[in-house]
Each structure stands twice: as C-alpha cells, then as structure tokens.
Amino acid sequence: MRWALLLRGLVTLVFALLGWELGRQFAGVDTLENLTISSARIIVPAILAGALVGMVIAPWLTVRPAYALRSSLRHIPTVQLMAATAGLAIGLMIAALLAYPLSLLPNPFGTILPFVGVIVMGYLGVTTMVMRHREIFSLFRIQTGGQPDVPKLPVFANGSRAPYSEMMLLDTSVIIDGRIADVAETGFLLAMLGVPRFVLNELQYIADSAEVLRRNRGRRGIDILDRLQHVENVEIVFLDQDPSEAQQVDEKLIYLGMELDAAIVTNDYNLNRVAKLQGVRVLNINELANAVKSVVLPGEEMNIHVIQEGKEINQGVGYLDDGTMVVVEQGQRFMDARIPVRVTKVLQTNAGRLIFAMPEETHDRRQVYDAPR
C-alpha cells in the first residue's frame, strides 16, 4: 500500500504543477516575483483543481495499470520475459544508432523520426525475440560453442534429477481412459510422467461440466492422477510450461513435446498422426493393448460363447477374455451357447485384432455347453 500511496502522491503533485502552469498562463505571470493578489485568485484555484483531479484519477493512471502488469507478468514464462527484455534492449540500441542520421533530415522529419524509430525498433525487437526465441537461443548456443544442453527433466526438491531416460506427456484422453495407471502399476514405465497445467485445467473443466457423463469422465481422470501419485517407483510431475504459440490443448502438447524432447501418451488418433508428422514420438495405449493380446494362429481351437448375431447371414459373434472379437461363421444357430471353434484367419485392423472361426464339425452335441446363467 505504501508504494500505491507514493504513486498517488506523485500524480497529484504532477497535476498540481500542471494547474500552476495553466493558471500562470491565464494570469499572465512569468515568475513568482510578478505574482499579485488578483493573479493568485486564478493560480491558486487552478493548482487546487489540478491536485484534486490528479488525486481522483491517480488509481487509473498508476495503481490499476501496475496491478494489471504484475498479474500479466505472473503468467508470462521466464524464458519469454527474458527474450522480450533482450529484444527491447537490442531494438533500443538499433534505434540509438539510427537517431543521429535521422536527426540530420530537414524539419519536421529530423525531430519526429528519431522518436518514431525508438518506438518501431523497440516493438520489432520485442516481438521478434518473443516469437522466435527458441530458434535464436539455439543458434546462439551453437555459435558460441556453449556447453551441451542439460537434461530437460525436472529437478526434485532435494536437487537431484530423475533417474529416468525420458519424459512422457500425458494427454487428457489417456488420463480419462485409466489404463495408464494399470500399466504404471506393473512397473513397465521407465520414464517420468509429465502432466501440463493446461491438461489439468481441461480435466477440471470437464469435471465441472453440467452433463453427467462428461462430469463423471472428468472426475475419473482426476482420480486416475491421484492413483498415479501413489504408485510406487512412478514419478509424476505437473509442468507449468504453457506454449504461447498454440491455442488448443493438442497443439500445446505438440509444442511442449518438441521443447522438452518428450513423448506424448494419448488415445487420440488425430493427435497421434499430427504429432508424428511434426517429429514428436507418440505412444498409443490402444496400440499397446493390441500388442499384448494373446497370439492366435489359424488352425487353433478354442471355446467361444456366442452372444450376438454378426453382420453377415448366419454369423455369430463372441469375445475372448481380452476383448478380442471372434466372428463365428455359421454360428448364428449356436446363439447363447459356448461351442468349440477352429480359427480360420486373423485380421489386424486399426480398431484391433479380428478373428474369424468356424464351428467344429461334430455330431456329438455334448460338445455344446450351455452358457452360464
């Protein structure tokens, strides 16, 4: 509050001086020695009016802009703030070099253009450094032959770095899906799990939705994150980086993956393709689930519970324990029964593995078992 009162006092003083100048002009007084009672009747009210105006509008000129600036600076990443400062310094240096030749131009150009050059070059320096700071900083490190980049994994509270080889960025879809927690509990995840703040904010937005289904999905995602935090030998961190170049969550994930050299874990097919096109490694939980399913070869025998009709005539459909669909040719007549079948072919599709089978040709009806009730 002290600095706010100080700023308000300074503005009041400045407006009081403006009131003095205006009153002096109207009264026709050049110096204090020429001040008379009649002129004082004009100057003193002008000073008081200027001070009153300054006191009233001071918060809009100083305190509120200062608070807005502080609030904006809190949300600006440190790297971008440093880049903007460096760009402003470079722009002002170039403007200083241009000021002398511009001042030699005939009036009014020689008076106006140096000031315009300061504004233009300062703006160009700030915008150029903020928009291209990654490439400029990278080029600077190469030219100076600096030290190799340090690992980009976060540092723990005790100062040590994570004993992992890389980081995995979790997408909203894979968090809501929940299978990432099951994989983590098996101990196969040899990387640090990173959750950006914008992904966490999207989860919170979904959890606060008015739709029951969306709200339940969002809450499930938050529960999965809480479960991951309690998994032994799994380190999960929340990242504050928020790339300003992107607007959507998927775009921000791709930019962050390129910046941290991290892989993205997702179930989103479109994000999978776009990220791969931009050189970001993507880990798809659906592909992992398909890869660990049991291998079935043509000619093998198995028992299948036919639970529904297929798309084609006389087809029946059943499922293995891992969810793999089995299409039984001529299996419609065995609806709601468990029958022995022989695999004829296996197809691998984008949705997963698809198995085609035929019922065993036998007259022994004892091979057909009733489905459990």
Protein backbone atom coordinates (compact mmCIF):
# COMPACT_ATOMS: atom_id res chain seq x y z
CA MET A 1 0.00 0.00 0.00
CA ARG A 2 2.91 2.38 0.65
CA TRP A 3 4.04 2.33 -2.97
CA ALA A 4 0.43 2.88 -4.08
CA LEU A 5 0.17 5.98 -1.85
CA LEU A 6 3.54 7.19 -3.15
CA LEU A 7 2.42 6.86 -6.77
CA ARG A 8 -0.84 8.61 -5.99
CA GLY A 9 1.06 11.48 -4.33
CA LEU A 10 3.38 11.84 -7.32
CA VAL A 11 0.45 12.02 -9.74
CA THR A 12 -1.26 14.58 -7.53
CA LEU A 13 1.92 16.68 -7.48
CA VAL A 14 2.29 16.46 -11.28
CA PHE A 15 -1.30 17.62 -11.85
CA ALA A 16 -0.85 20.41 -9.30
CA LEU A 17 2.14 21.63 -11.33
CA LEU A 18 0.02 21.45 -14.46
CA GLY A 19 -2.60 23.55 -12.68
CA TRP A 20 0.10 26.07 -11.78
CA GLU A 21 1.22 26.30 -15.40
CA LEU A 22 -2.32 26.76 -16.70
CA GLY A 23 -3.15 29.33 -14.05
CA ARG A 24 0.08 31.21 -14.72
CA GLN A 25 -0.71 31.36 -18.43
CA PHE A 26 -4.20 32.70 -17.82
CA ALA A 27 -3.00 35.22 -15.23
CA GLY A 28 -0.09 36.36 -17.39
CA VAL A 29 2.50 35.77 -14.67
CA ASP A 30 6.03 34.78 -15.70
CA THR A 31 7.71 34.30 -12.29
CA LEU A 32 6.74 34.21 -8.64
CA GLU A 33 8.09 37.76 -8.24
CA ASN A 34 5.33 39.05 -10.50
CA LEU A 35 2.62 37.26 -8.51
CA THR A 36 -0.15 39.57 -7.30
CA ILE A 37 -3.32 39.08 -5.30
CA SER A 38 -5.50 39.22 -8.40
CA SER A 39 -3.35 36.67 -10.25
CA ALA A 40 -3.22 34.47 -7.15
CA ARG A 41 -7.01 34.27 -7.23
CA ILE A 42 -6.63 32.49 -10.58
CA ILE A 43 -3.47 30.46 -9.94
CA VAL A 44 -4.34 29.01 -6.51
CA PRO A 45 -7.74 27.57 -7.60
CA ALA A 46 -6.04 26.16 -10.73
CA ILE A 47 -3.43 24.43 -8.54
CA LEU A 48 -6.08 23.03 -6.19
CA ALA A 49 -8.23 21.87 -9.11
CA GLY A 50 -5.24 20.16 -10.75
CA ALA A 51 -4.28 18.45 -7.48
CA LEU A 52 -7.88 17.27 -6.97
CA VAL A 53 -8.10 15.89 -10.50
CA GLY A 54 -4.75 14.14 -10.07
CA MET A 55 -5.82 12.59 -6.75
CA VAL A 56 -9.05 11.24 -8.29
CA ILE A 57 -7.62 9.77 -11.48
CA ALA A 58 -4.32 8.58 -9.98
CA PRO A 59 -5.54 4.96 -9.40
CA TRP A 60 -6.46 4.64 -13.10
CA LEU A 61 -3.08 6.02 -14.16
CA THR A 62 -0.80 4.19 -11.72
CA VAL A 63 -2.19 1.62 -9.30
CA ARG A 64 -4.54 -0.30 -11.59
CA PRO A 65 -2.09 -0.49 -14.52
CA ALA A 66 0.59 -1.61 -12.05
CA TYR A 67 -1.65 -4.40 -10.71
CA ALA A 68 -2.55 -5.45 -14.27
CA LEU A 69 1.13 -5.51 -15.21
CA ARG A 70 2.01 -7.64 -12.17
CA SER A 71 -0.82 -10.06 -12.96
CA SER A 72 0.35 -10.38 -16.57
CA LEU A 73 3.96 -10.93 -15.56
CA ARG A 74 2.93 -13.85 -13.33
CA HIS A 75 1.54 -15.72 -16.36
CA ILE A 76 4.46 -14.98 -18.71
CA PRO A 77 7.10 -17.74 -18.76
CA THR A 78 10.53 -16.66 -17.60
CA VAL A 79 12.14 -17.54 -20.94
CA GLN A 80 9.74 -15.28 -22.84
CA LEU A 81 10.23 -12.47 -20.33
CA MET A 82 14.00 -12.68 -20.75
CA ALA A 83 13.60 -12.80 -24.54
CA ALA A 84 11.36 -9.70 -24.51
CA THR A 85 13.86 -7.79 -22.36
CA ALA A 86 16.75 -8.74 -24.62
CA GLY A 87 14.73 -7.83 -27.72
CA LEU A 88 13.82 -4.43 -26.25
CA ALA A 89 17.48 -3.72 -25.46
CA ILE A 90 18.56 -4.69 -28.98
CA GLY A 91 15.79 -2.63 -30.54
CA LEU A 92 16.72 0.46 -28.49
CA MET A 93 20.40 0.05 -29.43
CA ILE A 94 19.49 -0.02 -33.13
CA ALA A 95 17.21 3.00 -32.65
CA ALA A 96 20.09 4.89 -30.97
CA LEU A 97 22.34 4.17 -33.94
CA LEU A 98 19.66 5.43 -36.32
CA ALA A 99 18.84 8.53 -34.27
CA TYR A 100 21.79 10.65 -35.45
CA PRO A 101 21.35 10.18 -39.24
CA LEU A 102 17.58 10.65 -38.87
CA SER A 103 18.12 13.89 -36.93
CA LEU A 104 20.02 15.36 -39.92
CA LEU A 105 16.87 15.28 -42.04
CA PRO A 106 15.06 18.60 -42.55
CA ASN A 107 12.32 19.56 -40.13
CA PRO A 108 9.86 18.23 -39.13
CA PHE A 109 11.32 14.81 -40.11
CA GLY A 110 14.57 15.35 -38.22
CA THR A 111 12.63 15.96 -35.00
CA ILE A 112 9.90 13.32 -35.31
CA LEU A 113 11.61 10.33 -36.96
CA PRO A 114 14.15 9.59 -34.17
CA PHE A 115 11.28 9.23 -31.69
CA VAL A 116 9.29 7.11 -34.14
CA GLY A 117 12.39 4.95 -34.68
CA VAL A 118 12.63 4.24 -30.93
CA ILE A 119 9.02 3.03 -30.83
CA VAL A 120 9.22 0.96 -34.03
CA MET A 121 12.59 -0.69 -33.31
CA GLY A 122 11.65 -1.42 -29.70
CA TYR A 123 8.42 -3.09 -30.82
CA LEU A 124 10.16 -5.10 -33.54
CA GLY A 125 12.87 -6.23 -31.13
CA VAL A 126 10.38 -7.44 -28.52
CA THR A 127 8.06 -9.24 -30.96
CA THR A 128 10.91 -10.87 -32.89
CA MET A 129 12.59 -12.24 -29.77
CA VAL A 130 9.34 -13.46 -28.20
CA MET A 131 8.10 -15.22 -31.35
CA ARG A 132 11.44 -16.75 -32.38
CA HIS A 133 13.28 -17.06 -29.08
CA ARG A 134 13.73 -20.84 -29.34
CA GLU A 135 15.49 -20.67 -32.70
CA ILE A 136 17.53 -17.60 -31.72
CA PHE A 137 18.69 -19.09 -28.41
CA SER A 138 19.52 -22.39 -30.11
CA LEU A 139 21.53 -20.59 -32.80
CA PHE A 140 23.33 -18.57 -30.13
CA ARG A 141 24.39 -21.72 -28.27
CA ILE A 142 25.77 -23.26 -31.47
CA GLN A 143 27.77 -20.18 -32.45
CA THR A 144 29.32 -19.68 -29.03
CA GLY A 145 30.17 -23.36 -28.70
CA GLY A 146 28.45 -23.46 -25.35
CA GLN A 147 28.08 -26.41 -23.08
CA PRO A 148 25.77 -29.22 -24.17
CA ASP A 149 22.19 -28.88 -23.12
CA VAL A 150 21.49 -30.17 -19.65
CA PRO A 151 18.84 -32.86 -19.32
CA LYS A 152 15.42 -31.32 -19.63
CA LEU A 153 13.81 -33.48 -16.98
CA PRO A 154 12.53 -31.64 -13.90
CA VAL A 155 14.62 -31.45 -10.74
CA PHE A 156 13.33 -32.91 -7.48
CA ALA A 157 13.06 -30.90 -4.27
CA ASN A 158 16.34 -32.32 -2.96
CA GLY A 159 18.19 -31.07 -6.07
CA SER A 160 18.66 -34.45 -7.75
CA ARG A 161 17.37 -35.25 -11.24
CA ALA A 162 15.02 -38.05 -12.10
CA PRO A 163 16.75 -41.39 -12.77
CA TYR A 164 14.76 -41.82 -15.96
CA SER A 165 15.85 -41.71 -19.55
CA GLU A 166 13.00 -39.51 -20.80
CA MET A 167 9.66 -37.91 -20.07
CA MET A 168 6.17 -38.91 -21.17
CA LEU A 169 3.50 -36.20 -21.50
CA LEU A 170 0.02 -37.47 -20.65
CA ASP A 171 -2.90 -36.36 -22.80
CA THR A 172 -6.39 -35.76 -21.40
CA SER A 173 -7.81 -38.78 -23.24
CA VAL A 174 -5.27 -41.24 -21.86
CA ILE A 175 -5.78 -39.95 -18.31
CA ILE A 176 -9.55 -40.40 -18.53
CA ASP A 177 -9.06 -43.84 -20.13
CA GLY A 178 -7.31 -45.03 -16.96
CA ARG A 179 -5.27 -47.90 -18.38
CA ILE A 180 -2.08 -45.86 -17.95
CA ALA A 181 -2.44 -46.43 -14.20
CA ASP A 182 -2.65 -50.20 -14.72
CA VAL A 183 0.48 -50.12 -16.88
CA ALA A 184 2.27 -47.99 -14.30
CA GLU A 185 1.46 -50.43 -11.51
CA THR A 186 3.11 -53.25 -13.46
CA GLY A 187 6.46 -51.40 -13.36
CA PHE A 188 6.92 -51.21 -17.15
CA LEU A 189 7.01 -47.40 -17.23
CA LEU A 190 10.68 -46.39 -17.22
CA ALA A 191 10.04 -42.68 -17.74
CA MET A 192 8.80 -39.71 -15.78
CA LEU A 193 5.13 -38.86 -16.33
CA GLY A 194 4.50 -35.19 -17.03
CA VAL A 195 1.07 -33.55 -16.80
CA PRO A 196 0.98 -29.96 -18.14
CA ARG A 197 -1.15 -27.46 -16.26
CA PHE A 198 -3.34 -26.85 -19.31
CA VAL A 199 -4.22 -30.57 -19.40
CA LEU A 200 -5.08 -30.42 -15.69
CA ASN A 201 -7.24 -27.35 -16.33
CA GLU A 202 -9.07 -29.18 -19.13
CA LEU A 203 -9.74 -32.10 -16.78
CA GLN A 204 -11.14 -29.71 -14.19
CA TYR A 205 -13.32 -28.06 -16.85
CA ILE A 206 -14.71 -31.47 -17.88
CA ALA A 207 -15.27 -32.44 -14.22
CA ASP A 208 -17.31 -29.23 -13.71
CA SER A 209 -19.50 -29.87 -16.77
CA ALA A 210 -23.28 -29.82 -16.42
CA GLU A 211 -23.54 -33.10 -18.38
CA VAL A 212 -23.44 -36.12 -16.12
CA LEU A 213 -21.36 -38.26 -18.50
CA ARG A 214 -18.72 -35.56 -19.08
CA ARG A 215 -18.61 -34.77 -15.37
CA ASN A 216 -18.04 -38.42 -14.49
CA ARG A 217 -15.28 -38.70 -17.10
CA GLY A 218 -13.52 -35.65 -15.72
CA ARG A 219 -13.73 -36.91 -12.15
CA ARG A 220 -12.43 -40.29 -13.26
CA GLY A 221 -9.41 -38.57 -14.82
CA ILE A 222 -8.68 -36.70 -11.59
CA ASP A 223 -8.97 -39.98 -9.65
CA ILE A 224 -6.53 -41.63 -12.07
CA LEU A 225 -3.97 -38.85 -11.46
CA ASP A 226 -4.37 -39.31 -7.72
CA ARG A 227 -3.85 -43.05 -8.20
CA LEU A 228 -0.70 -42.46 -10.25
CA GLN A 229 0.74 -40.28 -7.50
CA HIS A 230 0.53 -43.21 -5.10
CA VAL A 231 2.08 -45.81 -7.42
CA GLU A 232 5.48 -46.90 -6.14
CA ASN A 233 8.51 -46.18 -8.39
CA VAL A 234 6.44 -43.90 -10.64
CA GLU A 235 7.29 -40.20 -10.65
CA ILE A 236 4.62 -37.79 -11.88
CA VAL A 237 5.20 -34.04 -12.16
CA PHE A 238 3.00 -31.12 -13.11
CA LEU A 239 4.55 -28.77 -15.66
CA ASP A 240 3.92 -25.03 -15.72
CA GLN A 241 5.08 -24.53 -19.33
CA ASP A 242 2.27 -23.14 -21.49
CA PRO A 243 3.40 -22.55 -25.11
CA SER A 244 2.05 -19.21 -26.25
CA GLU A 245 2.36 -20.19 -29.94
CA ALA A 246 -0.62 -22.57 -29.66
CA GLN A 247 -4.22 -22.15 -28.55
CA GLN A 248 -5.66 -25.68 -28.43
CA VAL A 249 -4.56 -28.30 -25.90
CA ASP A 250 -3.37 -30.73 -28.60
CA GLU A 251 -1.22 -28.02 -30.22
CA LYS A 252 0.28 -27.06 -26.87
CA LEU A 253 1.14 -30.72 -26.18
CA ILE A 254 2.95 -30.99 -29.51
CA TYR A 255 4.92 -27.77 -28.90
CA LEU A 256 5.80 -28.89 -25.38
CA GLY A 257 6.84 -32.32 -26.67
CA MET A 258 9.22 -30.66 -29.14
CA GLU A 259 10.55 -28.26 -26.49
CA LEU A 260 11.22 -30.97 -23.88
CA ASP A 261 12.07 -33.72 -26.38
CA ALA A 262 9.38 -35.81 -24.71
CA ALA A 263 6.98 -38.47 -25.95
CA ILE A 264 3.20 -37.93 -25.88
CA VAL A 265 0.99 -40.67 -24.47
CA THR A 266 -2.50 -40.50 -25.96
CA ASN A 267 -5.50 -42.38 -27.30
CA ASP A 268 -6.43 -39.59 -29.73
CA TYR A 269 -5.97 -40.84 -33.30
CA ASN A 270 -5.79 -37.34 -34.82
CA LEU A 271 -3.25 -36.12 -32.25
CA ASN A 272 -1.27 -39.28 -32.94
CA ARG A 273 -1.00 -38.52 -36.66
CA VAL A 274 -0.35 -34.77 -36.36
CA ALA A 275 2.35 -35.23 -33.71
CA LYS A 276 4.15 -37.86 -35.79
CA LEU A 277 4.09 -35.54 -38.82
CA GLN A 278 5.92 -32.92 -36.72
CA GLY A 279 8.54 -35.37 -35.48
CA VAL A 280 7.15 -35.92 -31.96
CA ARG A 281 7.18 -39.51 -30.71
CA VAL A 282 3.72 -40.77 -29.74
CA LEU A 283 2.82 -43.74 -27.54
CA ASN A 284 -0.72 -45.01 -28.07
CA ILE A 285 -2.29 -47.06 -25.29
CA ASN A 286 -4.64 -48.75 -27.77
CA GLU A 287 -1.66 -49.98 -29.79
CA LEU A 288 -0.05 -51.24 -26.58
CA ALA A 289 -3.24 -53.11 -25.66
CA ASN A 290 -3.36 -54.73 -29.10
CA ALA A 291 0.29 -55.69 -28.89
CA VAL A 292 -0.07 -57.58 -25.60
CA LYS A 293 -3.15 -59.53 -26.61
CA SER A 294 -2.79 -63.28 -26.85
CA VAL A 295 -1.47 -64.53 -30.19
CA VAL A 296 -3.94 -66.74 -32.08
CA LEU A 297 -2.92 -68.62 -35.23
CA PRO A 298 -5.13 -70.15 -37.93
CA GLY A 299 -5.94 -73.76 -37.11
CA GLU A 300 -6.03 -73.32 -33.33
CA GLU A 301 -9.07 -74.49 -31.37
CA MET A 302 -10.89 -72.59 -28.63
CA ASN A 303 -14.25 -72.38 -26.91
CA ILE A 304 -16.34 -69.30 -27.67
CA HIS A 305 -19.54 -68.08 -26.09
CA VAL A 306 -21.72 -66.78 -28.97
CA ILE A 307 -23.59 -63.78 -27.59
CA GLN A 308 -24.93 -61.90 -30.64
CA GLU A 309 -25.55 -62.10 -34.37
CA GLY A 310 -22.96 -60.95 -36.86
CA LYS A 311 -23.36 -58.50 -39.74
CA GLU A 312 -23.48 -61.25 -42.36
CA ILE A 313 -26.02 -64.04 -42.67
CA ASN A 314 -25.58 -66.96 -40.24
CA GLN A 315 -22.70 -65.25 -38.43
CA GLY A 316 -22.32 -65.29 -34.67
CA VAL A 317 -20.09 -63.08 -32.57
CA GLY A 318 -18.21 -63.82 -29.36
CA TYR A 319 -15.30 -62.31 -27.46
CA LEU A 320 -12.11 -63.56 -25.87
CA ASP A 321 -11.22 -62.64 -22.30
CA ASP A 322 -9.04 -59.72 -23.51
CA GLY A 323 -11.91 -58.25 -25.55
CA THR A 324 -10.85 -59.54 -28.98
CA MET A 325 -13.86 -60.04 -31.25
CA VAL A 326 -14.35 -63.51 -32.73
CA VAL A 327 -16.65 -63.83 -35.75
CA VAL A 328 -18.04 -67.37 -35.99
CA GLU A 329 -19.17 -68.32 -39.48
CA GLN A 330 -22.41 -70.31 -39.39
CA GLY A 331 -22.57 -69.61 -35.69
CA GLN A 332 -25.95 -67.92 -35.51
CA ARG A 333 -27.68 -71.21 -34.67
CA PHE A 334 -25.49 -71.52 -31.55
CA MET A 335 -26.75 -68.27 -30.00
CA ASP A 336 -26.26 -68.10 -26.18
CA ALA A 337 -24.14 -71.26 -26.21
CA ARG A 338 -20.43 -71.98 -25.73
CA ILE A 339 -19.07 -74.01 -28.64
CA PRO A 340 -15.66 -75.28 -29.77
CA VAL A 341 -14.42 -73.43 -32.86
CA ARG A 342 -11.37 -73.57 -35.11
CA VAL A 343 -9.63 -70.32 -36.17
CA THR A 344 -9.61 -69.77 -39.93
CA LYS A 345 -7.91 -66.34 -40.23
CA VAL A 346 -6.76 -63.37 -38.16
CA LEU A 347 -7.02 -59.76 -39.37
CA GLN A 348 -5.23 -56.78 -37.85
CA THR A 349 -7.25 -53.55 -38.23
CA ASN A 350 -6.95 -50.01 -36.89
CA ALA A 351 -9.53 -50.88 -34.24
CA GLY A 352 -7.65 -54.01 -33.14
CA ARG A 353 -7.37 -57.70 -33.91
CA LEU A 354 -10.30 -59.52 -35.55
CA ILE A 355 -10.55 -63.33 -35.51
CA PHE A 356 -12.66 -65.47 -37.86
CA ALA A 357 -13.54 -69.02 -36.87
CA MET A 358 -15.73 -71.97 -37.86
CA PRO A 359 -17.62 -74.36 -35.53
CA GLU A 360 -16.07 -77.80 -35.15
CA GLU A 361 -17.84 -80.26 -37.41
CA THR A 362 -19.12 -82.94 -35.00
CA HIS A 363 -22.38 -84.73 -34.24
CA ASP A 364 -21.56 -85.03 -30.59
CA ARG A 365 -23.96 -82.50 -29.04
CA ARG A 366 -22.12 -82.94 -25.75
CA GLN A 367 -19.51 -80.52 -27.14
CA VAL A 368 -22.06 -77.74 -26.98
CA TYR A 369 -22.30 -76.35 -23.46
CA ASP A 370 -24.97 -74.13 -22.18
CA ALA A 371 -23.86 -70.63 -21.39
CA PRO A 372 -23.57 -69.89 -17.67
CA ARG A 373 -26.61 -68.19 -16.27
